[in-house]
PDB file of N, CA and C in Angstrom:
ATOM      1  N   MET A   1      18.885   8.759  15.483  1.00  0.00           N
ATOM      2  CA  MET A   1      18.234   8.681  15.062  1.00  0.00           C
ATOM      3  C   MET A   1      16.699   9.085  15.579  1.00  0.00           C
ATOM      4  N   ALA A   2      16.254  10.104  15.263  1.00  0.00           N
ATOM      5  CA  ALA A   2      15.045  10.072  15.530  1.00  0.00           C
ATOM      6  C   ALA A   2      14.022   9.881  14.300  1.00  0.00           C
ATOM      7  N   GLY A   3      14.239   9.550  13.489  1.00  0.00           N
ATOM      8  CA  GLY A   3      13.604   8.927  12.236  1.00  0.00           C
ATOM      9  C   GLY A   3      13.580   7.468  12.133  1.00  0.00           C
ATOM     10  N   ARG A   4      13.866   6.871  13.129  1.00  0.00           N
ATOM     11  CA  ARG A   4      13.321   5.300  12.933  1.00  0.00           C
ATOM     12  C   ARG A   4      12.141   4.876  12.880  1.00  0.00           C
ATOM     13  N   PHE A   5      11.875   4.058  12.126  1.00  0.00           N
ATOM     14  CA  PHE A   5      10.984   3.330  11.621  1.00  0.00           C
ATOM     15  C   PHE A   5      10.258   1.913  12.495  1.00  0.00           C
ATOM     16  N   GLU A   6       9.478   1.758  13.138  1.00  0.00           N
ATOM     17  CA  GLU A   6       8.867   0.864  13.517  1.00  0.00           C
ATOM     18  C   GLU A   6       7.613  -0.157  12.772  1.00  0.00           C
ATOM     19  N   CYS A   7       8.030  -1.587  12.443  1.00  0.00           N
ATOM     20  CA  CYS A   7       7.847  -2.097  11.594  1.00  0.00           C
ATOM     21  C   CYS A   7       6.646  -3.464  12.723  1.00  0.00           C
ATOM     22  N   ASN A   8       5.471  -2.458  13.515  1.00  0.00           N
ATOM     23  CA  ASN A   8       4.647  -2.991  13.802  1.00  0.00           C
ATOM     24  C   ASN A   8       3.352  -2.679  14.112  1.00  0.00           C
ATOM     25  N   PHE A   9       2.384  -3.272  13.882  1.00  0.00           N
ATOM     26  CA  PHE A   9       0.819  -2.227  13.994  1.00  0.00           C
ATOM     27  C   PHE A   9       0.424  -1.248  14.652  1.00  0.00           C
ATOM     28  N   LYS A  10       1.279  -0.886  15.728  1.00  0.00           N
ATOM     29  CA  LYS A  10       1.250   0.101  16.375  1.00  0.00           C
ATOM     30  C   LYS A  10       1.350   1.648  14.959  1.00  0.00           C
ATOM     31  N   ASN A  11       2.146   1.097  14.311  1.00  0.00           N
ATOM     32  CA  ASN A  11       2.183   2.541  12.921  1.00  0.00           C
ATOM     33  C   ASN A  11       1.349   2.264  12.193  1.00  0.00           C
ATOM     34  N   LYS A  12       0.679   3.541  12.239  1.00  0.00           N
ATOM     35  CA  LYS A  12      -0.221   3.915  10.940  1.00  0.00           C
ATOM     36  C   LYS A  12       0.596   3.516   9.482  1.00  0.00           C
ATOM     37  N   GLU A  13       1.557   3.666   9.007  1.00  0.00           N
ATOM     38  CA  GLU A  13       1.924   2.953   7.582  1.00  0.00           C
ATOM     39  C   GLU A  13       1.934   1.605   7.868  1.00  0.00           C
ATOM     40  N   VAL A  14       2.226   1.181   8.165  1.00  0.00           N
ATOM     41  CA  VAL A  14       2.042  -0.562   8.285  1.00  0.00           C
ATOM     42  C   VAL A  14       1.463  -1.061   8.460  1.00  0.00           C
ATOM     43  N   ARG A  15       0.176  -0.579   9.320  1.00  0.00           N
ATOM     44  CA  ARG A  15      -0.996  -0.880   9.032  1.00  0.00           C
ATOM     45  C   ARG A  15      -1.962  -0.655   7.911  1.00  0.00           C
ATOM     46  N   MET A  16      -1.912   0.415   7.071  1.00  0.00           N
ATOM     47  CA  MET A  16      -2.348   0.730   5.692  1.00  0.00           C
ATOM     48  C   MET A  16      -1.664  -0.083   4.692  1.00  0.00           C
ATOM     49  N   TYR A  17      -0.647  -0.177   5.385  1.00  0.00           N
ATOM     50  CA  TYR A  17       0.233  -1.437   4.043  1.00  0.00           C
ATOM     51  C   TYR A  17      -0.520  -2.573   3.910  1.00  0.00           C
ATOM     52  N   MET A  18      -0.951  -3.185   4.746  1.00  0.00           N
ATOM     53  CA  MET A  18      -1.408  -4.359   5.182  1.00  0.00           C
ATOM     54  C   MET A  18      -2.619  -4.568   4.608  1.00  0.00           C
ATOM     55  N   TYR A  19      -3.635  -3.090   5.426  1.00  0.00           N
ATOM     56  CA  TYR A  19      -4.500  -3.373   4.544  1.00  0.00           C
ATOM     57  C   TYR A  19      -5.259  -2.932   3.213  1.00  0.00           C
ATOM     58  N   ILE A  20      -4.174  -2.516   2.236  1.00  0.00           N
ATOM     59  CA  ILE A  20      -4.322  -2.094   0.972  1.00  0.00           C
ATOM     60  C   ILE A  20      -3.798  -3.218   0.266  1.00  0.00           C
ATOM     61  N   MET A  21      -2.745  -3.736   0.675  1.00  0.00           N
ATOM     62  CA  MET A  21      -1.428  -4.794   0.186  1.00  0.00           C
ATOM     63  C   MET A  21      -2.257  -6.239   0.295  1.00  0.00           C
ATOM     64  N   VAL A  22      -2.691  -6.477   1.385  1.00  0.00           N
ATOM     65  CA  VAL A  22      -3.497  -7.962   1.209  1.00  0.00           C
ATOM     66  C   VAL A  22      -4.728  -8.284   0.693  1.00  0.00           C
ATOM     67  N   PRO A  23      -5.766  -7.367   0.799  1.00  0.00           N
ATOM     68  CA  PRO A  23      -7.069  -7.645  -0.589  1.00  0.00           C
ATOM     69  C   PRO A  23      -6.614  -7.681  -2.068  1.00  0.00           C
ATOM     70  N   PHE A  24      -4.992  -6.727  -2.268  1.00  0.00           N
ATOM     71  CA  PHE A  24      -4.829  -6.496  -3.646  1.00  0.00           C
ATOM     72  C   PHE A  24      -3.588  -7.622  -4.054  1.00  0.00           C
ATOM     73  N   PHE A  25      -2.907  -8.846  -3.047  1.00  0.00           N
ATOM     74  CA  PHE A  25      -2.849  -9.908  -3.386  1.00  0.00           C
ATOM     75  C   PHE A  25      -3.536 -10.984  -3.188  1.00  0.00           C
ATOM     76  N   ILE A  26      -4.969 -10.892  -2.536  1.00  0.00           N
ATOM     77  CA  ILE A  26      -5.532 -12.420  -2.645  1.00  0.00           C
ATOM     78  C   ILE A  26      -6.358 -12.226  -4.092  1.00  0.00           C
ATOM     79  N   ALA A  27      -6.852 -10.738  -4.278  1.00  0.00           N
ATOM     80  CA  ALA A  27      -7.308 -11.029  -5.537  1.00  0.00           C
ATOM     81  C   ALA A  27      -6.379 -11.255  -7.038  1.00  0.00           C
ATOM     82  N   GLY A  28      -5.177 -11.155  -6.778  1.00  0.00           N
ATOM     83  CA  GLY A  28      -4.282 -11.276  -8.284  1.00  0.00           C
ATOM     84  C   GLY A  28      -4.206 -12.824  -8.070  1.00  0.00           C
ATOM     85  N   LEU A  29      -4.009 -13.133  -6.471  1.00  0.00           N
ATOM     86  CA  LEU A  29      -3.680 -14.852  -6.747  1.00  0.00           C
ATOM     87  C   LEU A  29      -5.211 -15.614  -7.042  1.00  0.00           C
ATOM     88  N   VAL A  30      -6.308 -14.460  -6.951  1.00  0.00           N
ATOM     89  CA  VAL A  30      -7.697 -15.641  -7.576  1.00  0.00           C
ATOM     90  C   VAL A  30      -7.346 -14.953  -9.003  1.00  0.00           C
ATOM     91  N   TRP A  31      -7.199 -14.426  -9.556  1.00  0.00           N
ATOM     92  CA  TRP A  31      -7.433 -13.883 -10.610  1.00  0.00           C
ATOM     93  C   TRP A  31      -5.975 -14.874 -11.640  1.00  0.00           C
ATOM     94  N   ILE A  32      -5.004 -15.039 -10.967  1.00  0.00           N
ATOM     95  CA  ILE A  32      -4.116 -15.864 -11.903  1.00  0.00           C
ATOM     96  C   ILE A  32      -4.383 -17.275 -11.789  1.00  0.00           C
ATOM     97  N   CYS A  33      -5.189 -17.866 -10.817  1.00  0.00           N
ATOM     98  CA  CYS A  33      -5.800 -19.476 -10.772  1.00  0.00           C
ATOM     99  C   CYS A  33      -7.176 -19.153 -11.774  1.00  0.00           C
ATOM    100  N   ASN A  34      -8.033 -18.445 -11.677  1.00  0.00           N
ATOM    101  CA  ASN A  34      -9.339 -18.639 -12.589  1.00  0.00           C
ATOM    102  C   ASN A  34      -9.074 -17.406 -14.040  1.00  0.00           C
ATOM    103  N   MET A  35      -8.133 -16.936 -14.490  1.00  0.00           N
ATOM    104  CA  MET A  35      -7.990 -16.380 -15.593  1.00  0.00           C
ATOM    105  C   MET A  35      -6.853 -17.138 -16.688  1.00  0.00           C
ATOM    106  N   GLN A  36      -6.938 -17.086 -17.923  1.00  0.00           N
ATOM    107  CA  GLN A  36      -6.341 -17.474 -18.727  1.00  0.00           C
ATOM    108  C   GLN A  36      -4.862 -17.037 -18.478  1.00  0.00           C
ATOM    109  N   ASN A  37      -3.794 -17.469 -19.410  1.00  0.00           N
ATOM    110  CA  ASN A  37      -2.506 -17.324 -19.723  1.00  0.00           C
ATOM    111  C   ASN A  37      -2.955 -15.659 -19.990  1.00  0.00           C
ATOM    112  N   LYS A  38      -3.519 -15.616 -21.506  1.00  0.00           N
ATOM    113  CA  LYS A  38      -3.461 -13.825 -21.908  1.00  0.00           C
ATOM    114  C   LYS A  38      -3.805 -12.849 -21.450  1.00  0.00           C
ATOM    115  N   TYR A  39      -4.512 -13.323 -20.480  1.00  0.00           N
ATOM    116  CA  TYR A  39      -4.736 -11.769 -19.200  1.00  0.00           C
ATOM    117  C   TYR A  39      -3.562 -11.530 -18.464  1.00  0.00           C
ATOM    118  N   ASN A  40      -2.326 -12.309 -18.220  1.00  0.00           N
ATOM    119  CA  ASN A  40      -1.216 -12.498 -16.949  1.00  0.00           C
ATOM    120  C   ASN A  40      -0.852 -11.035 -17.004  1.00  0.00           C
ATOM    121  N   PRO A  41      -0.786 -10.548 -18.306  1.00  0.00           N
ATOM    122  CA  PRO A  41      -0.116  -9.240 -18.106  1.00  0.00           C
ATOM    123  C   PRO A  41      -0.980  -7.996 -17.013  1.00  0.00           C
ATOM    124  N   ILE A  42      -2.595  -7.845 -17.278  1.00  0.00           N
ATOM    125  CA  ILE A  42      -3.097  -7.381 -16.849  1.00  0.00           C
ATOM    126  C   ILE A  42      -3.065  -7.865 -15.189  1.00  0.00           C
ATOM    127  N   VAL A  43      -2.811  -9.036 -14.784  1.00  0.00           N
ATOM    128  CA  VAL A  43      -2.565  -9.359 -13.146  1.00  0.00           C
ATOM    129  C   VAL A  43      -1.265  -8.899 -12.421  1.00  0.00           C
ATOM    130  N   GLN A  44      -0.430  -8.336 -13.673  1.00  0.00           N
ATOM    131  CA  GLN A  44       0.633  -7.805 -13.227  1.00  0.00           C
ATOM    132  C   GLN A  44       0.932  -6.485 -12.493  1.00  0.00           C
ATOM    133  N   LEU A  45      -0.479  -5.812 -13.144  1.00  0.00           N
ATOM    134  CA  LEU A  45      -1.150  -4.473 -12.799  1.00  0.00           C
ATOM    135  C   LEU A  45      -1.261  -3.960 -11.820  1.00  0.00           C
ATOM    136  N   ILE A  46      -1.975  -5.655 -11.067  1.00  0.00           N
ATOM    137  CA  ILE A  46      -2.543  -5.701  -9.763  1.00  0.00           C
ATOM    138  C   ILE A  46      -1.515  -4.659  -8.426  1.00  0.00           C
ATOM    139  N   PRO A  47      -0.203  -5.506  -8.855  1.00  0.00           N
ATOM    140  CA  PRO A  47       0.727  -4.412  -7.755  1.00  0.00           C
ATOM    141  C   PRO A  47       1.256  -3.442  -7.880  1.00  0.00           C
ATOM    142  N   LEU A  48       0.956  -3.139  -8.758  1.00  0.00           N
ATOM    143  CA  LEU A  48       1.093  -1.280  -9.031  1.00  0.00           C
ATOM    144  C   LEU A  48       0.145  -0.840  -8.894  1.00  0.00           C
ATOM    145  N   ILE A  49      -0.953  -1.473  -9.168  1.00  0.00           N
ATOM    146  CA  ILE A  49      -2.075  -0.524  -8.459  1.00  0.00           C
ATOM    147  C   ILE A  49      -1.974  -0.217  -6.996  1.00  0.00           C
ATOM    148  N   ALA A  50      -1.925  -1.577  -6.244  1.00  0.00           N
ATOM    149  CA  ALA A  50      -2.252  -1.237  -4.819  1.00  0.00           C
ATOM    150  C   ALA A  50      -0.603  -0.423  -4.703  1.00  0.00           C
ATOM    151  N   TRP A  51       1.026  -0.775  -4.924  1.00  0.00           N
ATOM    152  CA  TRP A  51       1.440   0.388  -4.345  1.00  0.00           C
ATOM    153  C   TRP A  51       1.522   2.057  -4.793  1.00  0.00           C
ATOM    154  N   THR A  52       1.028   2.144  -5.882  1.00  0.00           N
ATOM    155  CA  THR A  52       0.231   3.932  -6.341  1.00  0.00           C
ATOM    156  C   THR A  52      -0.816   3.956  -5.142  1.00  0.00           C
ATOM    157  N   ILE A  53      -1.402   3.036  -4.894  1.00  0.00           N
ATOM    158  CA  ILE A  53      -2.699   3.989  -3.793  1.00  0.00           C
ATOM    159  C   ILE A  53      -2.025   3.635  -2.612  1.00  0.00           C
ATOM    160  N   TYR A  54      -0.926   3.046  -2.260  1.00  0.00           N
ATOM    161  CA  TYR A  54      -0.790   3.385  -0.643  1.00  0.00           C
ATOM    162  C   TYR A  54       0.623   4.568  -1.003  1.00  0.00           C
ATOM    163  N   TYR A  55       1.196   4.183  -1.724  1.00  0.00           N
ATOM    164  CA  TYR A  55       2.194   5.640  -1.973  1.00  0.00           C
ATOM    165  C   TYR A  55       1.738   7.095  -2.368  1.00  0.00           C
ATOM    166  N   ILE A  56       0.222   7.244  -2.379  1.00  0.00           N
ATOM    167  CA  ILE A  56      -0.584   8.090  -2.914  1.00  0.00           C
ATOM    168  C   ILE A  56      -0.912   8.990  -0.987  1.00  0.00           C
ATOM    169  N   TRP A  57      -1.353   7.575  -0.660  1.00  0.00           N
ATOM    170  CA  TRP A  57      -2.078   7.434   1.132  1.00  0.00           C
ATOM    171  C   TRP A  57      -0.985   8.379   1.532  1.00  0.00           C
ATOM    172  N   ARG A  58       0.262   7.028   1.675  1.00  0.00           N
ATOM    173  CA  ARG A  58       1.380   7.525   2.732  1.00  0.00           C
ATOM    174  C   ARG A  58       1.903   9.173   2.067  1.00  0.00           C
ATOM    175  N   HIS A  59       1.955   9.363   0.853  1.00  0.00           N
ATOM    176  CA  HIS A  59       2.615  11.130   0.584  1.00  0.00           C
ATOM    177  C   HIS A  59       2.007  12.049   1.623  1.00  0.00           C
ATOM    178  N   SER A  60       0.513  12.063   1.249  1.00  0.00           N
ATOM    179  CA  SER A  60      -0.649  12.756   1.745  1.00  0.00           C
ATOM    180  C   SER A  60      -0.600  12.590   3.609  1.00  0.00           C
ATOM    181  N   TYR A  61      -0.752  11.218   4.023  1.00  0.00           N
ATOM    182  CA  TYR A  61      -0.565  11.532   5.163  1.00  0.00           C
ATOM    183  C   TYR A  61       0.944  12.129   6.247  1.00  0.00           C
ATOM    184  N   ARG A  62       1.955  11.669   5.507  1.00  0.00           N
ATOM    185  CA  ARG A  62       2.748  12.917   5.995  1.00  0.00           C
ATOM    186  C   ARG A  62       3.418  14.395   5.672  1.00  0.00           C
ATOM    187  N   LYS A  63       2.331  14.552   4.420  1.00  0.00           N
ATOM    188  CA  LYS A  63       2.312  16.358   4.300  1.00  0.00           C
ATOM    189  C   LYS A  63       1.091  16.344   5.285  1.00  0.00           C
ATOM    190  N   LYS A  64       0.489  15.861   6.043  1.00  0.00           N
ATOM    191  CA  LYS A  64      -0.572  16.293   6.857  1.00  0.00           C
ATOM    192  C   LYS A  64      -0.168  16.389   8.576  1.00  0.00           C
ATOM    193  N   MET A  65       0.881  14.845   8.726  1.00  0.00           N
ATOM    194  CA  MET A  65       2.001  14.886   9.734  1.00  0.00           C
ATOM    195  C   MET A  65       2.487  16.036   9.679  1.00  0.00           C
ATOM    196  N   LYS A  66       3.450  16.667   9.019  1.00  0.00           N
ATOM    197  CA  LYS A  66       4.320  17.568   8.693  1.00  0.00           C
ATOM    198  C   LYS A  66       3.631  19.068   9.110  1.00  0.00           C
ATOM    199  N   THR A  67       2.609  19.374   8.995  1.00  0.00           N
ATOM    200  CA  THR A  67       1.213  20.453   8.486  1.00  0.00           C
ATOM    201  C   THR A  67       1.085  20.588   9.943  1.00  0.00           C
ATOM    202  N   GLU A  68       0.856  19.477  10.646  1.00  0.00           N
ATOM    203  CA  GLU A  68       0.438  19.678  12.095  1.00  0.00           C
ATOM    204  C   GLU A  68       1.478  19.959  13.320  1.00  0.00           C
ATOM    205  N   SER A  69       2.284  19.382  12.808  1.00  0.00           N
ATOM    206  CA  SER A  69       3.920  19.114  13.421  1.00  0.00           C
ATOM    207  C   SER A  69       4.372  20.522  13.643  1.00  0.00           C
ATOM    208  N   SER A  70       3.966  21.464  12.081  1.00  0.00           N
ATOM    209  CA  SER A  70       4.605  22.802  12.141  1.00  0.00           C
ATOM    210  C   SER A  70       3.934  23.802  12.784  1.00  0.00           C
ATOM    211  N   ASN A  71       2.635  23.435  12.950  1.00  0.00           N
ATOM    212  CA  ASN A  71       1.203  24.142  12.959  1.00  0.00           C
ATOM    213  C   ASN A  71       1.644  24.641  14.909  1.00  0.00           C
ATOM    214  N   ARG A  72       2.511  23.355  15.608  1.00  0.00           N
ATOM    215  CA  ARG A  72       2.566  23.164  17.057  1.00  0.00           C
ATOM    216  C   ARG A  72       3.807  24.512  17.817  1.00  0.00           C
TER     217      ARG A  72
END
């Protein structure tokens, strides 16, 4: 199993997931608690935005790692 995934903070992907998702999660909770019900569809976009940012970063990171490993 060469492609094994480590779920700890030594793994850069896990760290970046936490760095991106935790602030968006807190922002979503604050928004839900302080806004009216008519803004709930907008609040549902917050996790979508966070996941999009994370997966764009992940794609570029893996592409960079792939090119670095092929250059060796």
